């Protein structure tokens, strides 16, 4: 799962790749003006050799659009956008 957000420090954003238990696999801290696409690229860079069995990434709606095709072409991974349930707060 990928997550970008928690902008509690001005000018910084954290992009995370976590497993299904929420344990961090990779974390990138970068400038807050980077897009989700750029944050995801930071997180996925060099992940392949360390996570050879990774095939699917769940992400929130901030990753909609052609980014799914880019992830498939660039990394051979499937990016699945998970819609929020009515009234849901945060990413689950």
Protein backbone atom coordinates (compact mmCIF):
# COMPACT_ATOMS: atom_id res chain seq x y z
CA UNK A 1 0.00 0.00 0.00
CA UNK A 2 1.23 3.44 -0.76
CA UNK A 3 0.39 6.49 1.22
CA UNK A 4 1.30 10.14 0.84
CA UNK A 5 0.26 12.70 3.36
CA UNK A 6 0.40 13.56 7.02
CA UNK A 7 1.58 17.06 6.19
CA UNK A 8 2.24 18.02 9.81
CA UNK A 9 5.66 19.49 8.98
CA UNK A 10 5.44 22.51 6.70
CA UNK A 11 7.23 22.01 3.42
CA UNK A 12 7.63 18.23 3.80
CA UNK A 13 5.57 15.26 2.71
CA UNK A 14 6.09 11.58 3.49
CA UNK A 15 5.40 8.83 0.96
CA UNK A 16 5.14 5.35 2.41
CA UNK A 17 5.00 1.79 1.12
CA UNK A 18 3.60 -0.48 3.83
CA UNK A 19 2.59 -4.13 3.96
CA UNK A 20 -0.94 -5.35 4.70
CA UNK A 21 -0.25 -5.08 8.43
CA UNK A 22 0.79 -1.44 8.07
CA UNK A 23 4.48 -2.15 8.67
CA UNK A 24 6.72 0.20 6.67
CA UNK A 25 8.64 -1.26 3.74
CA UNK A 26 9.97 2.02 2.33
CA UNK A 27 9.65 5.66 3.36
CA UNK A 28 10.59 8.76 1.37
CA UNK A 29 10.52 12.26 2.83
CA UNK A 30 10.43 14.95 0.18
CA UNK A 31 9.30 18.47 -0.58
CA UNK A 32 5.57 19.01 -0.14
CA UNK A 33 5.20 20.43 -3.64
CA UNK A 34 5.89 17.05 -5.28
CA UNK A 35 2.90 15.25 -6.79
CA UNK A 36 1.64 11.81 -5.71
CA UNK A 37 3.16 10.45 -8.92
CA UNK A 38 6.61 11.74 -7.93
CA UNK A 39 6.20 10.48 -4.36
CA UNK A 40 5.23 7.04 -5.62
CA UNK A 41 8.23 6.99 -7.93
CA UNK A 42 10.48 7.78 -4.94
CA UNK A 43 8.93 4.93 -2.92
CA UNK A 44 9.13 2.36 -5.72
CA UNK A 45 12.69 3.16 -6.79
CA UNK A 46 14.96 0.21 -6.00
CA UNK A 47 12.16 -1.76 -4.30
CA UNK A 48 12.16 -4.60 -6.86
CA UNK A 49 15.29 -6.41 -5.66
CA UNK A 50 14.15 -6.24 -2.03
CA UNK A 51 10.53 -7.23 -2.63
CA UNK A 52 10.56 -9.67 -5.56
CA UNK A 53 7.11 -11.07 -4.68
CA UNK A 54 5.41 -7.65 -4.67
CA UNK A 55 2.78 -7.62 -7.43
CA UNK A 56 -0.09 -5.46 -6.16
CA UNK A 57 -0.19 -2.01 -4.56
CA UNK A 58 -3.33 -0.58 -2.99
CA UNK A 59 -3.54 3.21 -2.97
CA UNK A 60 -6.05 5.92 -2.16
CA UNK A 61 -7.87 8.06 -4.70
CA UNK A 62 -4.99 10.54 -4.94
CA UNK A 63 -3.34 8.06 -7.31
CA UNK A 64 -6.16 7.93 -9.89
CA UNK A 65 -5.50 8.49 -13.58
CA UNK A 66 -2.77 7.27 -15.87
CA UNK A 67 -0.39 6.61 -12.96
CA UNK A 68 -1.66 2.98 -12.85
CA UNK A 69 -0.45 2.44 -16.40
CA UNK A 70 2.91 4.04 -15.58
CA UNK A 71 3.39 1.74 -12.55
CA UNK A 72 2.58 -1.30 -14.70
CA UNK A 73 4.91 -0.23 -17.53
CA UNK A 74 7.78 0.95 -15.32
CA UNK A 75 7.72 -1.63 -12.51
CA UNK A 76 5.44 -4.46 -13.66
CA UNK A 77 3.16 -3.87 -10.66
CA UNK A 78 -0.61 -3.51 -10.47
CA UNK A 79 -1.82 -0.31 -8.80
CA UNK A 80 -5.37 -0.73 -7.48
CA UNK A 81 -7.23 2.34 -6.29
CA UNK A 82 -9.28 1.64 -3.17
CA UNK A 83 -12.43 3.74 -2.77
CA UNK A 84 -13.41 4.97 0.67
CA UNK A 85 -16.50 3.60 2.32
CA UNK A 86 -19.17 6.21 3.14
CA UNK A 87 -18.12 8.10 6.28
CA UNK A 88 -14.64 6.54 6.37
CA UNK A 89 -11.83 8.77 7.68
CA UNK A 90 -8.24 8.04 6.65
CA UNK A 91 -6.86 5.09 4.67
CA UNK A 92 -7.81 1.55 5.70
